Amino acid sequence: MSQWITICKLDDILPETGVCALVGNEHVAIFRPYDTAELYAISNIDPFAEASVLSRGIIGQHENELYVASPLKKQRFGLKDGYCIDDAKYSIAHYQVKVNADGFVEVKSSC
């Protein structure tokens, strides 16, 4: 059964950055690309380095799609779907994310 997990206030995530949160047993990277309430959530685990680091990556854009580049090996992962732009066999999980009426960020857990 899935459920919404409260992470933090929207204002705790600076625009154009990411944060990491534990959602169930998953390390999830939550990104706020611009100075808006638009958010994205993908796995924080870089499958190339097998490290929990993607929330510290750099947000960029490729063919009008936002991605995050791993801070370690620089592979790019789509923020909407977790697909690796550089090698699709290493795509990662993505999660539903929203801001509730009280201004808190929530991520939908898969368990």
Protein backbone atom coordinates (compact mmCIF):
# COMPACT_ATOMS: atom_id res chain seq x y z
CA MET A 1 0.00 0.00 0.00
CA SER A 2 1.38 3.40 -0.92
CA GLN A 3 1.04 6.55 1.14
CA TRP A 4 2.13 10.19 1.05
CA ILE A 5 5.14 10.92 3.29
CA THR A 6 5.73 14.49 4.49
CA ILE A 7 9.33 15.56 3.86
CA CYS A 8 9.80 19.27 4.63
CA LYS A 9 8.39 22.72 3.91
CA LEU A 10 8.70 23.86 0.30
CA ASP A 11 10.74 26.86 1.46
CA ASP A 12 13.35 24.44 2.89
CA ILE A 13 14.33 23.47 -0.67
CA LEU A 14 16.18 26.32 -2.33
CA PRO A 15 15.33 26.95 -5.99
CA GLU A 16 17.60 25.10 -8.45
CA THR A 17 18.73 22.57 -5.84
CA GLY A 18 17.90 19.12 -4.57
CA VAL A 19 17.56 17.47 -1.17
CA CYS A 20 17.64 13.84 -0.08
CA ALA A 21 14.96 12.19 2.05
CA LEU A 22 14.30 8.70 3.31
CA VAL A 23 10.89 7.59 2.00
CA GLY A 24 10.15 4.19 3.46
CA ASN A 25 13.43 2.40 2.80
CA GLU A 26 14.28 4.40 -0.32
CA HIS A 27 16.76 7.27 -0.67
CA VAL A 28 14.83 9.83 -2.72
CA ALA A 29 16.22 13.00 -4.31
CA ILE A 30 13.70 15.85 -4.50
CA PHE A 31 14.45 18.71 -6.88
CA ARG A 32 13.08 22.23 -7.15
CA PRO A 33 14.43 23.43 -10.50
CA TYR A 34 13.10 26.99 -10.46
CA ASP A 35 11.65 29.52 -8.06
CA THR A 36 8.22 27.82 -8.22
CA ALA A 37 6.35 25.01 -6.51
CA GLU A 38 7.25 22.61 -9.36
CA LEU A 39 9.05 19.57 -7.92
CA TYR A 40 10.51 16.27 -9.13
CA ALA A 41 11.50 13.16 -7.20
CA ILE A 42 13.81 10.35 -8.35
CA SER A 43 16.01 7.80 -6.64
CA ASN A 44 19.02 9.38 -4.97
CA ILE A 45 21.17 6.34 -5.79
CA ASP A 46 23.58 6.80 -8.71
CA PRO A 47 23.62 3.32 -10.28
CA PHE A 48 27.00 3.92 -11.91
CA ALA A 49 28.78 4.79 -8.65
CA GLU A 50 26.36 2.89 -6.38
CA ALA A 51 26.28 5.93 -4.09
CA SER A 52 23.49 8.07 -2.64
CA VAL A 53 24.51 11.35 -4.29
CA LEU A 54 22.09 12.46 -7.02
CA SER A 55 20.46 15.13 -4.83
CA ARG A 56 23.80 16.96 -5.03
CA GLY A 57 23.89 16.88 -8.82
CA ILE A 58 23.54 19.77 -11.23
CA ILE A 59 20.14 20.43 -12.83
CA GLY A 60 20.27 20.95 -16.59
CA GLN A 61 18.13 20.69 -19.69
CA HIS A 62 18.40 18.44 -22.78
CA GLU A 63 15.88 18.57 -25.64
CA ASN A 64 13.47 20.58 -23.44
CA GLU A 65 13.57 17.96 -20.64
CA LEU A 66 15.07 18.62 -17.23
CA TYR A 67 17.73 16.27 -15.90
CA VAL A 68 20.21 16.00 -13.06
CA ALA A 69 23.86 15.17 -13.74
CA SER A 70 25.49 12.92 -11.18
CA PRO A 71 28.18 14.74 -9.19
CA LEU A 72 30.43 11.67 -9.45
CA LYS A 73 30.42 10.24 -12.97
CA LYS A 74 28.29 12.92 -14.71
CA GLN A 75 25.60 10.64 -16.20
CA ARG A 76 22.32 12.47 -16.68
CA PHE A 77 18.96 11.27 -15.34
CA GLY A 78 15.58 12.71 -16.40
CA LEU A 79 13.75 14.41 -13.55
CA LYS A 80 10.31 13.40 -14.90
CA ASP A 81 10.97 9.71 -15.40
CA GLY A 82 14.42 8.71 -14.09
CA TYR A 83 15.64 7.56 -17.51
CA CYS A 84 19.39 7.82 -17.99
CA ILE A 85 20.03 9.99 -21.05
CA ASP A 86 23.48 8.42 -21.46
CA ASP A 87 22.60 4.72 -20.99
CA ALA A 88 18.94 3.65 -20.63
CA LYS A 89 19.80 0.33 -18.97
CA TYR A 90 20.73 2.31 -15.86
CA SER A 91 17.46 4.22 -15.45
CA ILE A 92 16.27 4.83 -11.90
CA ALA A 93 12.98 5.03 -10.02
CA HIS A 94 10.89 8.18 -10.06
CA TYR A 95 8.24 9.16 -7.51
CA GLN A 96 5.10 11.28 -7.34
CA VAL A 97 5.71 14.48 -5.40
CA LYS A 98 3.43 17.36 -4.43
CA VAL A 99 3.11 20.37 -2.17
CA ASN A 100 0.11 20.09 0.16
CA ALA A 101 -2.23 22.94 1.17
CA ASP A 102 -0.04 23.75 4.20
CA GLY A 103 3.09 24.20 2.05
CA PHE A 104 4.75 20.88 2.92
CA VAL A 105 6.45 18.68 0.33
CA GLU A 106 5.08 15.13 0.19
CA VAL A 107 6.42 12.09 -1.70
CA LYS A 108 4.34 9.02 -2.44
CA SER A 109 5.98 5.89 -1.07
CA SER A 110 5.81 2.65 -3.00
CA CYS A 111 5.19 0.45 0.07
